[in-house]
Amino acid sequence: MRLFPKETDFFEIFDKTSENLTRAAQQLVDLMENFVNVEARAKEIHEIEQDSDMLTHDIMKKLNKTFVTPIDREDLYALASRLDDCIDLIWAVVDRIAVFKIKEPLREAVVMSKDLLLTAEVMHKAISELRQKNYAHVQEHCIEINRLENRIDRSFRDALGRLFEEKQHDPILVIKWKEIYEHLEDCSDRCEDVANVLEAIVLKYA
């Protein structure tokens, strides 16, 4: 019988989750650039989202069983929750595209999706650097995430403006794309939340 339980590597789980986020974002970009087999693509991203849910549940369960954690418990919880939100929202984008029977992507959605992929890639690097305690590099990556969030926010505003001013869009299509755009922008906001959590951790431990 083990007197002291094996130490949980929370950062390994975060690394897997952020890798899943990058995979989901890449799948989203692939769909936007090659708009075929939407239902099959949606299923693939849903499987990634389900796997990430299991990783999040694993973190929460281990948090309750681990006496000593590498960083504050509330920071681990916040990081897990915000990462899970990001993946959930990418899944929500693709789910709406499938449910709404969207026939082709709009240019602005492609642009926002590509910036989300860039954000996910930077976030994965930031979490890897956090694991290595390279706090200065974490901070640099967080600044880049914030910059990309601002760019996606501007794209969102421009996309809504074009959506409502272009006469060829029927009202139902406008409603559909407005919701898709909102999920893309919300995902970017949650990514910025992850950056804020990472910056808070850096301030505590740097």
N, C-alpha and C. Protein backbone atom coordinates (compact mmCIF):
# COMPACT_ATOMS: atom_id res chain seq x y z
N MET A 1 0.85 -1.20 0.00
CA MET A 1 0.00 0.00 0.00
C MET A 1 0.89 1.26 0.00
N ARG A 2 0.59 2.17 -0.93
CA ARG A 2 1.41 3.37 -1.06
C ARG A 2 1.07 4.36 0.04
N LEU A 3 2.09 4.76 0.81
CA LEU A 3 1.86 5.71 1.89
C LEU A 3 1.56 7.10 1.35
N PHE A 4 2.35 7.51 0.31
CA PHE A 4 2.14 8.81 -0.32
C PHE A 4 1.70 8.57 -1.76
N PRO A 5 0.54 9.12 -2.16
CA PRO A 5 0.06 8.89 -3.52
C PRO A 5 1.02 9.50 -4.54
N LYS A 6 1.02 8.89 -5.74
CA LYS A 6 1.87 9.40 -6.82
C LYS A 6 1.47 10.84 -7.15
N GLU A 7 2.49 11.70 -7.34
CA GLU A 7 2.23 13.11 -7.61
C GLU A 7 1.57 13.27 -8.98
N THR A 8 0.54 14.09 -9.03
CA THR A 8 -0.17 14.34 -10.28
C THR A 8 0.54 15.42 -11.08
N ASP A 9 0.80 15.14 -12.35
CA ASP A 9 1.42 16.12 -13.24
C ASP A 9 0.30 16.90 -13.92
N PHE A 10 -0.16 17.96 -13.26
CA PHE A 10 -1.25 18.76 -13.81
C PHE A 10 -0.85 19.41 -15.14
N PHE A 11 0.42 19.79 -15.25
CA PHE A 11 0.86 20.48 -16.46
C PHE A 11 0.82 19.56 -17.68
N GLU A 12 1.04 18.27 -17.46
CA GLU A 12 0.92 17.32 -18.56
C GLU A 12 -0.52 17.28 -19.08
N ILE A 13 -1.48 17.33 -18.17
CA ILE A 13 -2.89 17.33 -18.57
C ILE A 13 -3.22 18.63 -19.29
N PHE A 14 -2.72 19.77 -18.77
CA PHE A 14 -2.95 21.04 -19.45
C PHE A 14 -2.33 21.04 -20.85
N ASP A 15 -1.17 20.43 -20.96
CA ASP A 15 -0.50 20.36 -22.26
C ASP A 15 -1.36 19.58 -23.26
N LYS A 16 -1.94 18.47 -22.81
CA LYS A 16 -2.81 17.68 -23.67
C LYS A 16 -4.07 18.47 -24.06
N THR A 17 -4.61 19.21 -23.09
CA THR A 17 -5.82 19.99 -23.36
C THR A 17 -5.54 21.10 -24.37
N SER A 18 -4.43 21.80 -24.19
CA SER A 18 -4.10 22.88 -25.12
C SER A 18 -3.75 22.33 -26.50
N GLU A 19 -3.21 21.13 -26.53
CA GLU A 19 -2.96 20.46 -27.81
C GLU A 19 -4.29 20.13 -28.49
N ASN A 20 -5.27 19.70 -27.71
CA ASN A 20 -6.60 19.45 -28.26
C ASN A 20 -7.23 20.72 -28.81
N LEU A 21 -7.03 21.82 -28.10
CA LEU A 21 -7.56 23.10 -28.56
C LEU A 21 -6.96 23.46 -29.91
N THR A 22 -5.66 23.27 -30.07
CA THR A 22 -5.00 23.56 -31.34
C THR A 22 -5.53 22.66 -32.44
N ARG A 23 -5.72 21.38 -32.13
CA ARG A 23 -6.27 20.45 -33.13
C ARG A 23 -7.68 20.86 -33.55
N ALA A 24 -8.50 21.25 -32.59
CA ALA A 24 -9.87 21.67 -32.90
C ALA A 24 -9.87 22.93 -33.76
N ALA A 25 -8.99 23.88 -33.42
CA ALA A 25 -8.90 25.12 -34.19
C ALA A 25 -8.40 24.85 -35.61
N GLN A 26 -7.46 23.91 -35.75
CA GLN A 26 -6.96 23.54 -37.08
C GLN A 26 -8.07 22.90 -37.90
N GLN A 27 -8.86 22.04 -37.26
CA GLN A 27 -10.00 21.41 -37.95
C GLN A 27 -11.01 22.47 -38.40
N LEU A 28 -11.21 23.48 -37.57
CA LEU A 28 -12.13 24.56 -37.93
C LEU A 28 -11.62 25.31 -39.17
N VAL A 29 -10.34 25.63 -39.19
CA VAL A 29 -9.76 26.32 -40.36
C VAL A 29 -9.85 25.43 -41.59
N ASP A 30 -9.54 24.15 -41.45
CA ASP A 30 -9.63 23.22 -42.58
C ASP A 30 -11.05 23.20 -43.16
N LEU A 31 -12.04 23.22 -42.26
CA LEU A 31 -13.43 23.24 -42.71
C LEU A 31 -13.75 24.53 -43.45
N MET A 32 -13.32 25.66 -42.90
CA MET A 32 -13.61 26.95 -43.52
C MET A 32 -12.96 27.07 -44.90
N GLU A 33 -11.79 26.46 -45.07
CA GLU A 33 -11.07 26.56 -46.34
C GLU A 33 -11.49 25.50 -47.34
N ASN A 34 -12.07 24.42 -46.85
CA ASN A 34 -12.51 23.33 -47.73
C ASN A 34 -13.87 22.85 -47.24
N PHE A 35 -14.91 23.56 -47.64
CA PHE A 35 -16.24 23.43 -47.05
C PHE A 35 -16.99 22.21 -47.59
N VAL A 36 -16.51 21.03 -47.22
CA VAL A 36 -17.15 19.77 -47.62
C VAL A 36 -17.22 18.86 -46.40
N ASN A 37 -18.13 17.87 -46.47
CA ASN A 37 -18.26 16.88 -45.39
C ASN A 37 -18.41 17.55 -44.03
N VAL A 38 -19.31 18.53 -43.96
CA VAL A 38 -19.46 19.32 -42.74
C VAL A 38 -19.84 18.44 -41.55
N GLU A 39 -20.77 17.53 -41.75
CA GLU A 39 -21.22 16.68 -40.64
C GLU A 39 -20.07 15.81 -40.12
N ALA A 40 -19.26 15.28 -41.02
CA ALA A 40 -18.13 14.45 -40.60
C ALA A 40 -17.10 15.28 -39.85
N ARG A 41 -16.84 16.51 -40.33
CA ARG A 41 -15.90 17.40 -39.64
C ARG A 41 -16.44 17.76 -38.25
N ALA A 42 -17.73 18.00 -38.19
CA ALA A 42 -18.34 18.34 -36.90
C ALA A 42 -18.18 17.19 -35.91
N LYS A 43 -18.34 15.97 -36.40
CA LYS A 43 -18.18 14.80 -35.53
C LYS A 43 -16.76 14.69 -35.01
N GLU A 44 -15.77 14.97 -35.88
CA GLU A 44 -14.37 14.90 -35.47
C GLU A 44 -14.07 15.92 -34.37
N ILE A 45 -14.58 17.14 -34.55
CA ILE A 45 -14.32 18.17 -33.54
C ILE A 45 -15.07 17.85 -32.25
N HIS A 46 -16.25 17.25 -32.38
CA HIS A 46 -16.99 16.86 -31.18
C HIS A 46 -16.22 15.81 -30.38
N GLU A 47 -15.55 14.91 -31.08
CA GLU A 47 -14.74 13.90 -30.39
C GLU A 47 -13.58 14.55 -29.64
N ILE A 48 -12.97 15.56 -30.24
CA ILE A 48 -11.91 16.30 -29.56
C ILE A 48 -12.46 17.00 -28.32
N GLU A 49 -13.64 17.60 -28.48
CA GLU A 49 -14.28 18.30 -27.35
C GLU A 49 -14.61 17.32 -26.22
N GLN A 50 -15.08 16.12 -26.58
CA GLN A 50 -15.40 15.12 -25.56
C GLN A 50 -14.14 14.65 -24.83
N ASP A 51 -13.06 14.47 -25.57
CA ASP A 51 -11.80 14.07 -24.96
C ASP A 51 -11.31 15.16 -24.00
N SER A 52 -11.48 16.41 -24.40
CA SER A 52 -11.07 17.52 -23.53
C SER A 52 -11.93 17.60 -22.28
N ASP A 53 -13.20 17.30 -22.42
CA ASP A 53 -14.07 17.25 -21.23
C ASP A 53 -13.56 16.22 -20.23
N MET A 54 -13.13 15.07 -20.74
CA MET A 54 -12.60 14.03 -19.85
C MET A 54 -11.32 14.50 -19.16
N LEU A 55 -10.47 15.21 -19.89
CA LEU A 55 -9.25 15.75 -19.28
C LEU A 55 -9.58 16.77 -18.19
N THR A 56 -10.59 17.61 -18.46
CA THR A 56 -11.00 18.61 -17.47
C THR A 56 -11.56 17.94 -16.22
N HIS A 57 -12.39 16.91 -16.43
CA HIS A 57 -12.93 16.17 -15.28
C HIS A 57 -11.80 15.51 -14.49
N ASP A 58 -10.79 15.03 -15.21
CA ASP A 58 -9.65 14.38 -14.56
C ASP A 58 -8.90 15.38 -13.67
N ILE A 59 -8.72 16.59 -14.18
CA ILE A 59 -8.06 17.63 -13.38
C ILE A 59 -8.86 17.93 -12.13
N MET A 60 -10.17 18.11 -12.29
CA MET A 60 -11.03 18.45 -11.15
C MET A 60 -11.00 17.34 -10.09
N LYS A 61 -11.04 16.10 -10.56
CA LYS A 61 -11.03 14.96 -9.64
C LYS A 61 -9.70 14.90 -8.88
N LYS A 62 -8.61 15.11 -9.61
CA LYS A 62 -7.30 15.04 -8.97
C LYS A 62 -7.03 16.23 -8.06
N LEU A 63 -7.62 17.37 -8.39
CA LEU A 63 -7.50 18.52 -7.49
C LEU A 63 -8.09 18.20 -6.11
N ASN A 64 -9.19 17.45 -6.11
CA ASN A 64 -9.84 17.11 -4.85
C ASN A 64 -9.06 16.06 -4.04
N LYS A 65 -8.15 15.35 -4.73
CA LYS A 65 -7.42 14.28 -4.06
C LYS A 65 -5.96 14.63 -3.78
N THR A 66 -5.50 15.76 -4.33
CA THR A 66 -4.09 16.13 -4.19
C THR A 66 -3.91 17.12 -3.05
N PHE A 67 -3.04 16.77 -2.12
CA PHE A 67 -2.83 17.62 -0.95
C PHE A 67 -1.98 18.83 -1.29
N VAL A 68 -0.88 18.59 -2.01
CA VAL A 68 0.03 19.68 -2.39
C VAL A 68 -0.01 19.83 -3.91
N THR A 69 -0.31 21.02 -4.38
CA THR A 69 -0.39 21.29 -5.81
C THR A 69 0.78 22.19 -6.23
N PRO A 70 1.20 22.11 -7.51
CA PRO A 70 2.38 22.88 -7.95
C PRO A 70 2.14 24.39 -7.95
N ILE A 71 0.92 24.80 -8.20
CA ILE A 71 0.52 26.20 -8.07
C ILE A 71 -0.81 26.23 -7.33
N ASP A 72 -1.28 27.41 -7.00
CA ASP A 72 -2.50 27.51 -6.20
C ASP A 72 -3.66 26.76 -6.84
N ARG A 73 -4.42 26.11 -5.99
CA ARG A 73 -5.54 25.29 -6.44
C ARG A 73 -6.53 26.07 -7.30
N GLU A 74 -6.83 27.33 -6.88
CA GLU A 74 -7.80 28.12 -7.63
C GLU A 74 -7.28 28.49 -9.02
N ASP A 75 -5.97 28.61 -9.17
CA ASP A 75 -5.39 28.90 -10.49
C ASP A 75 -5.49 27.68 -11.40
N LEU A 76 -5.25 26.53 -10.85
CA LEU A 76 -5.40 25.29 -11.63
C LEU A 76 -6.84 25.11 -12.08
N TYR A 77 -7.76 25.38 -11.18
CA TYR A 77 -9.19 25.26 -11.51
C TYR A 77 -9.57 26.26 -12.61
N ALA A 78 -9.14 27.51 -12.47
CA ALA A 78 -9.48 28.55 -13.44
C ALA A 78 -8.89 28.22 -14.81
N LEU A 79 -7.65 27.75 -14.83
CA LEU A 79 -7.00 27.42 -16.10
C LEU A 79 -7.72 26.27 -16.79
N ALA A 80 -8.09 25.25 -16.04
CA ALA A 80 -8.82 24.11 -16.61
C ALA A 80 -10.17 24.54 -17.16
N SER A 81 -10.88 25.36 -16.41
CA SER A 81 -12.23 25.80 -16.82
C SER A 81 -12.19 26.65 -18.07
N ARG A 82 -11.24 27.60 -18.13
CA ARG A 82 -11.17 28.51 -19.29
C ARG A 82 -10.73 27.77 -20.55
N LEU A 83 -9.78 26.84 -20.42
CA LEU A 83 -9.38 26.04 -21.57
C LEU A 83 -10.55 25.22 -22.10
N ASP A 84 -11.31 24.65 -21.19
CA ASP A 84 -12.48 23.86 -21.58
C ASP A 84 -13.50 24.74 -22.31
N ASP A 85 -13.68 25.97 -21.84
CA ASP A 85 -14.60 26.90 -22.50
C ASP A 85 -14.18 27.16 -23.95
N CYS A 86 -12.88 27.33 -24.17
CA CYS A 86 -12.38 27.61 -25.52
C CYS A 86 -12.75 26.48 -26.49
N ILE A 87 -12.51 25.25 -26.07
CA ILE A 87 -12.79 24.10 -26.94
C ILE A 87 -14.29 23.95 -27.13
N ASP A 88 -15.06 24.17 -26.08
CA ASP A 88 -16.52 24.10 -26.20
C ASP A 88 -17.04 25.08 -27.25
N LEU A 89 -16.47 26.26 -27.31
CA LEU A 89 -16.95 27.28 -28.23
C LEU A 89 -16.54 26.98 -29.68
N ILE A 90 -15.38 26.37 -29.88
CA ILE A 90 -15.03 25.95 -31.24
C ILE A 90 -16.02 24.88 -31.70
N TRP A 91 -16.34 23.97 -30.81
CA TRP A 91 -17.35 22.95 -31.14
C TRP A 91 -18.69 23.62 -31.44
N ALA A 92 -19.04 24.64 -30.68
CA ALA A 92 -20.32 25.34 -30.89
C ALA A 92 -20.36 25.99 -32.27
N VAL A 93 -19.24 26.54 -32.73
CA VAL A 93 -19.19 27.15 -34.06
C VAL A 93 -19.51 26.11 -35.13
N VAL A 94 -18.82 24.98 -35.06
CA VAL A 94 -18.99 23.95 -36.09
C VAL A 94 -20.39 23.32 -35.98
N ASP A 95 -20.87 23.16 -34.78
CA ASP A 95 -22.21 22.61 -34.57
C ASP A 95 -23.27 23.51 -35.21
N ARG A 96 -23.13 24.83 -35.03
CA ARG A 96 -24.10 25.76 -35.62
C ARG A 96 -24.02 25.72 -37.15
N ILE A 97 -22.80 25.62 -37.67
CA ILE A 97 -22.64 25.53 -39.12
C ILE A 97 -23.39 24.31 -39.67
N ALA A 98 -23.28 23.19 -38.95
CA ALA A 98 -23.96 21.96 -39.38
C ALA A 98 -25.48 22.07 -39.21
N VAL A 99 -25.90 22.54 -38.03
CA VAL A 99 -27.34 22.63 -37.74
C VAL A 99 -28.04 23.63 -38.65
N PHE A 100 -27.36 24.76 -38.94
CA PHE A 100 -27.96 25.80 -39.78
C PHE A 100 -27.87 25.48 -41.27
N LYS A 101 -27.23 24.36 -41.62
CA LYS A 101 -27.09 23.96 -43.03
C LYS A 101 -26.43 25.06 -43.86
N ILE A 102 -25.37 25.62 -43.31
CA ILE A 102 -24.63 26.66 -44.03
C ILE A 102 -24.00 26.04 -45.28
N LYS A 103 -24.16 26.72 -46.43
CA LYS A 103 -23.70 26.18 -47.70
C LYS A 103 -22.27 26.55 -48.03
N GLU A 104 -21.84 27.73 -47.57
CA GLU A 104 -20.47 28.16 -47.83
C GLU A 104 -20.07 29.17 -46.77
N PRO A 105 -18.77 29.25 -46.47
CA PRO A 105 -18.33 30.17 -45.43
C PRO A 105 -18.26 31.60 -45.95
N LEU A 106 -18.36 32.55 -45.06
CA LEU A 106 -18.12 33.95 -45.40
C LEU A 106 -16.65 34.26 -45.12
N ARG A 107 -16.11 35.18 -45.90
CA ARG A 107 -14.68 35.49 -45.81
C ARG A 107 -14.26 35.87 -44.39
N GLU A 108 -15.09 36.65 -43.72
CA GLU A 108 -14.75 37.11 -42.37
C GLU A 108 -14.63 35.94 -41.39
N ALA A 109 -15.45 34.91 -41.57
CA ALA A 109 -15.39 33.74 -40.69
C ALA A 109 -14.08 32.99 -40.89
N VAL A 110 -13.60 32.95 -42.14
CA VAL A 110 -12.32 32.30 -42.42
C VAL A 110 -11.19 33.05 -41.72
N VAL A 111 -11.21 34.38 -41.82
CA VAL A 111 -10.18 35.21 -41.20
C VAL A 111 -10.18 35.02 -39.68
N MET A 112 -11.35 35.07 -39.06
CA MET A 112 -11.44 34.91 -37.61
C MET A 112 -10.97 33.53 -37.17
N SER A 113 -11.32 32.51 -37.95
CA SER A 113 -10.92 31.14 -37.61
C SER A 113 -9.40 30.98 -37.66
N LYS A 114 -8.77 31.59 -38.66
CA LYS A 114 -7.31 31.51 -38.77
C LYS A 114 -6.64 32.21 -37.58
N ASP A 115 -7.19 33.33 -37.17
CA ASP A 115 -6.63 34.02 -36.00
C ASP A 115 -6.85 33.23 -34.72
N LEU A 116 -7.96 32.50 -34.64
CA LEU A 116 -8.18 31.63 -33.49
C LEU A 116 -7.14 30.51 -33.46
N LEU A 117 -6.81 29.97 -34.63
CA LEU A 117 -5.78 28.93 -34.69
C LEU A 117 -4.44 29.49 -34.21
N LEU A 118 -4.08 30.68 -34.67
CA LEU A 118 -2.85 31.32 -34.21
C LEU A 118 -2.87 31.49 -32.69
N THR A 119 -4.02 31.90 -32.16
CA THR A 119 -4.17 32.08 -30.71
C THR A 119 -3.96 30.76 -29.98
N ALA A 120 -4.57 29.70 -30.49
CA ALA A 120 -4.45 28.38 -29.85
C ALA A 120 -3.00 27.91 -29.86
N GLU A 121 -2.29 28.15 -30.95
CA GLU A 121 -0.89 27.74 -31.04
C GLU A 121 -0.02 28.50 -30.04
N VAL A 122 -0.27 29.79 -29.90
CA VAL A 122 0.49 30.59 -28.93
C VAL A 122 0.17 30.14 -27.51
N MET A 123 -1.10 29.84 -27.26
CA MET A 123 -1.51 29.40 -25.92
C MET A 123 -0.83 28.07 -25.55
N HIS A 124 -0.73 27.18 -26.53
CA HIS A 124 -0.06 25.90 -26.28
C HIS A 124 1.40 26.13 -25.90
N LYS A 125 2.05 27.07 -26.59
CA LYS A 125 3.44 27.41 -26.26
C LYS A 125 3.54 28.00 -24.85
N ALA A 126 2.58 28.86 -24.50
CA ALA A 126 2.59 29.50 -23.18
C ALA A 126 2.48 28.47 -22.08
N ILE A 127 1.61 27.49 -22.26
CA ILE A 127 1.42 26.46 -21.23
C ILE A 127 2.66 25.57 -21.13
N SER A 128 3.30 25.30 -22.28
CA SER A 128 4.56 24.54 -22.25
C SER A 128 5.64 25.30 -21.50
N GLU A 129 5.71 26.60 -21.71
CA GLU A 129 6.70 27.43 -21.02
C GLU A 129 6.39 27.51 -19.53
N LEU A 130 5.11 27.53 -19.18
CA LEU A 130 4.73 27.56 -17.76
C LEU A 130 5.21 26.30 -17.07
N ARG A 131 5.08 25.18 -17.75
CA ARG A 131 5.54 23.91 -17.19
C ARG A 131 7.03 23.94 -16.89
N GLN A 132 7.79 24.64 -17.77
CA GLN A 132 9.25 24.74 -17.60
C GLN A 132 9.65 25.92 -16.70
N LYS A 133 8.64 26.65 -16.21
CA LYS A 133 8.86 27.83 -15.36
C LYS A 133 9.63 28.94 -16.09
N ASN A 134 9.44 29.01 -17.41
CA ASN A 134 10.02 30.09 -18.20
C ASN A 134 9.03 31.26 -18.21
N TYR A 135 8.93 31.93 -17.09
CA TYR A 135 7.85 32.90 -16.88
C TYR A 135 7.92 34.09 -17.82
N ALA A 136 9.12 34.52 -18.20
CA ALA A 136 9.24 35.65 -19.12
C ALA A 136 8.63 35.31 -20.47
N HIS A 137 8.85 34.08 -20.93
CA HIS A 137 8.28 33.65 -22.20
C HIS A 137 6.77 33.50 -22.11
N VAL A 138 6.29 33.04 -20.96
CA VAL A 138 4.83 32.97 -20.76
C VAL A 138 4.21 34.35 -20.93
N GLN A 139 4.84 35.34 -20.32
CA GLN A 139 4.35 36.71 -20.40
C GLN A 139 4.32 37.20 -21.84
N GLU A 140 5.36 36.90 -22.60
CA GLU A 140 5.41 37.31 -24.00
C GLU A 140 4.27 36.68 -24.79
N HIS A 141 4.02 35.41 -24.54
CA HIS A 141 2.93 34.73 -25.26
C HIS A 141 1.57 35.30 -24.87
N CYS A 142 1.42 35.67 -23.62
CA CYS A 142 0.15 36.27 -23.18
C CYS A 142 -0.11 37.61 -23.88
N ILE A 143 0.94 38.38 -24.07
CA ILE A 143 0.81 39.65 -24.79
C ILE A 143 0.34 39.39 -26.22
N GLU A 144 0.89 38.35 -26.84
CA GLU A 144 0.49 38.01 -28.21
C GLU A 144 -0.97 37.53 -28.27
N ILE A 145 -1.39 36.76 -27.27
CA ILE A 145 -2.79 36.32 -27.20
C ILE A 145 -3.72 37.54 -27.10
N ASN A 146 -3.34 38.50 -26.28
CA ASN A 146 -4.14 39.72 -26.14
C ASN A 146 -4.19 40.50 -27.46
N ARG A 147 -3.08 40.54 -28.16
CA ARG A 147 -3.04 41.24 -29.45
C ARG A 147 -3.98 40.56 -30.46
N LEU A 148 -3.94 39.23 -30.49
CA LEU A 148 -4.80 38.49 -31.41
C LEU A 148 -6.27 38.64 -31.03
N GLU A 149 -6.54 38.70 -29.73
CA GLU A 149 -7.94 38.91 -29.29
C GLU A 149 -8.45 40.25 -29.79
N ASN A 150 -7.62 41.28 -29.71
CA ASN A 150 -8.02 42.59 -30.22
C ASN A 150 -8.27 42.55 -31.72
N ARG A 151 -7.45 41.80 -32.44
CA ARG A 151 -7.63 41.69 -33.89
C ARG A 151 -8.91 40.95 -34.23
N ILE A 152 -9.20 39.89 -33.50
CA ILE A 152 -10.45 39.15 -33.73
C ILE A 152 -11.65 40.00 -33.38
N ASP A 153 -11.53 40.80 -32.34
CA ASP A 153 -12.62 41.70 -31.96
C ASP A 153 -12.91 42.70 -33.07
N ARG A 154 -11.86 43.25 -33.69
CA ARG A 154 -12.06 44.17 -34.81
C ARG A 154 -12.69 43.46 -36.00
N SER A 155 -12.23 42.23 -36.26
CA SER A 155 -12.80 41.44 -37.35
C SER A 155 -14.28 41.16 -37.10
N PHE A 156 -14.62 40.89 -35.84
CA PHE A 156 -16.02 40.64 -35.47
C PHE A 156 -16.89 41.86 -35.76
N ARG A 157 -16.41 43.02 -35.36
CA ARG A 157 -17.16 44.25 -35.61
C ARG A 157 -17.33 44.51 -37.10
N ASP A 158 -16.26 44.32 -37.86
CA ASP A 158 -16.33 44.51 -39.31
C ASP A 158 -17.27 43.49 -39.95
N ALA A 159 -17.20 42.25 -39.47
CA ALA A 159 -18.05 41.20 -40.03
C ALA A 159 -19.53 41.49 -39.81
N LEU A 160 -19.87 41.94 -38.61
CA LEU A 160 -21.27 42.29 -38.34
C LEU A 160 -21.72 43.45 -39.23
N GLY A 161 -20.86 44.43 -39.39
CA GLY A 161 -21.20 45.57 -40.23
C GLY A 161 -21.51 45.15 -41.66
N ARG A 162 -20.65 44.31 -42.23
CA ARG A 162 -20.88 43.85 -43.60
C ARG A 162 -22.11 42.96 -43.69
N LEU A 163 -22.30 42.15 -42.67
CA LEU A 163 -23.43 41.22 -42.67
C LEU A 163 -24.76 41.97 -42.77
N PHE A 164 -24.87 43.07 -42.05
CA PHE A 164 -26.13 43.81 -42.01
C PHE A 164 -26.28 44.81 -43.15
N GLU A 165 -25.18 45.16 -43.81
CA GLU A 165 -25.29 46.17 -44.86
C GLU A 165 -25.40 45.57 -46.26
N GLU A 166 -24.94 44.33 -46.43
CA GLU A 166 -24.99 43.73 -47.76
C GLU A 166 -26.39 43.19 -48.04
N LYS A 167 -26.95 43.68 -49.12
CA LYS A 167 -28.37 43.43 -49.42
C LYS A 167 -28.66 41.99 -49.86
N GLN A 168 -27.60 41.26 -50.33
CA GLN A 168 -27.87 39.91 -50.84
C GLN A 168 -28.14 38.90 -49.74
N HIS A 169 -27.86 39.26 -48.48
CA HIS A 169 -28.08 38.32 -47.38
C HIS A 169 -29.55 38.37 -46.95
N ASP A 170 -30.20 37.22 -46.97
CA ASP A 170 -31.58 37.20 -46.47
C ASP A 170 -31.56 37.24 -44.94
N PRO A 171 -32.65 37.70 -44.32
CA PRO A 171 -32.67 37.90 -42.85
C PRO A 171 -32.33 36.64 -42.05
N ILE A 172 -32.79 35.48 -42.51
CA ILE A 172 -32.52 34.24 -41.79
C ILE A 172 -31.02 33.93 -41.81
N LEU A 173 -30.39 34.13 -42.97
CA LEU A 173 -28.95 33.90 -43.06
C LEU A 173 -28.18 34.86 -42.17
N VAL A 174 -28.65 36.10 -42.09
CA VAL A 174 -28.01 37.09 -41.21
C VAL A 174 -28.05 36.62 -39.77
N ILE A 175 -29.20 36.12 -39.33
CA ILE A 175 -29.35 35.63 -37.96
C ILE A 175 -28.39 34.45 -37.70
N LYS A 176 -28.30 33.55 -38.66
CA LYS A 176 -27.42 32.39 -38.51
C LYS A 176 -25.96 32.82 -38.38
N TRP A 177 -25.51 33.68 -39.29
CA TRP A 177 -24.10 34.07 -39.26
C TRP A 177 -23.78 34.96 -38.07
N LYS A 178 -24.74 35.73 -37.63
CA LYS A 178 -24.51 36.56 -36.44
C LYS A 178 -24.18 35.66 -35.25
N GLU A 179 -24.91 34.55 -35.09
CA GLU A 179 -24.65 33.64 -33.97
C GLU A 179 -23.30 32.96 -34.12
N ILE A 180 -22.95 32.57 -35.34
CA ILE A 180 -21.65 31.94 -35.57
C ILE A 180 -20.52 32.91 -35.26
N TYR A 181 -20.65 34.15 -35.74
CA TYR A 181 -19.65 35.17 -35.44
C TYR A 181 -19.50 35.39 -33.94
N GLU A 182 -20.62 35.40 -33.24
CA GLU A 182 -20.58 35.63 -31.79
C GLU A 182 -19.84 34.51 -31.08
N HIS A 183 -20.02 33.26 -31.53
CA HIS A 183 -19.29 32.15 -30.92
C HIS A 183 -17.79 32.26 -31.19
N LEU A 184 -17.42 32.67 -32.40
CA LEU A 184 -16.00 32.87 -32.71
C LEU A 184 -15.39 33.94 -31.81
N GLU A 185 -16.12 35.05 -31.66
CA GLU A 185 -15.62 36.13 -30.82
C GLU A 185 -15.58 35.74 -29.35
N ASP A 186 -16.60 35.00 -28.90
CA ASP A 186 -16.61 34.52 -27.51
C ASP A 186 -15.43 33.59 -27.24
N CYS A 187 -15.10 32.75 -28.22
CA CYS A 187 -13.96 31.85 -28.06
C CYS A 187 -12.68 32.65 -27.89
N SER A 188 -12.53 33.71 -28.68
CA SER A 188 -11.37 34.58 -28.53
C SER A 188 -11.31 35.22 -27.15
N ASP A 189 -12.46 35.62 -26.63
CA ASP A 189 -12.52 36.20 -25.28
C ASP A 189 -12.09 35.19 -24.22
N ARG A 190 -12.52 33.95 -24.38
CA ARG A 190 -12.13 32.92 -23.42
C ARG A 190 -10.63 32.63 -23.51
N CYS A 191 -10.08 32.73 -24.71
CA CYS A 191 -8.63 32.57 -24.86
C CYS A 191 -7.90 33.68 -24.11
N GLU A 192 -8.43 34.88 -24.19
CA GLU A 192 -7.84 35.99 -23.43
C GLU A 192 -7.96 35.73 -21.94
N ASP A 193 -9.06 35.11 -21.51
CA ASP A 193 -9.21 34.74 -20.10
C ASP A 193 -8.10 33.78 -19.66
N VAL A 194 -7.77 32.83 -20.55
CA VAL A 194 -6.66 31.91 -20.25
C VAL A 194 -5.37 32.69 -20.06
N ALA A 195 -5.14 33.65 -20.96
CA ALA A 195 -3.93 34.49 -20.85
C ALA A 195 -3.92 35.25 -19.54
N ASN A 196 -5.08 35.74 -19.11
CA ASN A 196 -5.15 36.47 -17.84
C ASN A 196 -4.82 35.56 -16.66
N VAL A 197 -5.29 34.32 -16.71
CA VAL A 197 -4.96 33.37 -15.64
C VAL A 197 -3.46 33.09 -15.63
N LEU A 198 -2.90 32.89 -16.82
CA LEU A 198 -1.46 32.61 -16.92
C LEU A 198 -0.64 33.79 -16.39
N GLU A 199 -1.07 35.02 -16.71
CA GLU A 199 -0.36 36.20 -16.23
C GLU A 199 -0.44 36.30 -14.71
N ALA A 200 -1.60 35.95 -14.15
CA ALA A 200 -1.76 35.99 -12.70
C ALA A 200 -0.83 34.99 -12.03
N ILE A 201 -0.68 33.82 -12.66
CA ILE A 201 0.23 32.79 -12.12
C ILE A 201 1.68 33.30 -12.16
N VAL A 202 2.03 33.91 -13.29
CA VAL A 202 3.40 34.44 -13.44
C VAL A 202 3.70 35.49 -12.37
N LEU A 203 2.74 36.37 -12.10
CA LEU A 203 2.95 37.40 -11.07
C LEU A 203 3.18 36.79 -9.70
N LYS A 204 2.55 35.66 -9.44
CA LYS A 204 2.70 35.01 -8.13
C LYS A 204 4.06 34.31 -7.98
N TYR A 205 4.53 33.71 -9.08
CA TYR A 205 5.66 32.79 -8.94
C TYR A 205 6.95 33.24 -9.61
N ALA A 206 6.88 34.32 -10.42
CA ALA A 206 8.11 34.76 -11.10
C ALA A 206 9.08 35.37 -10.10
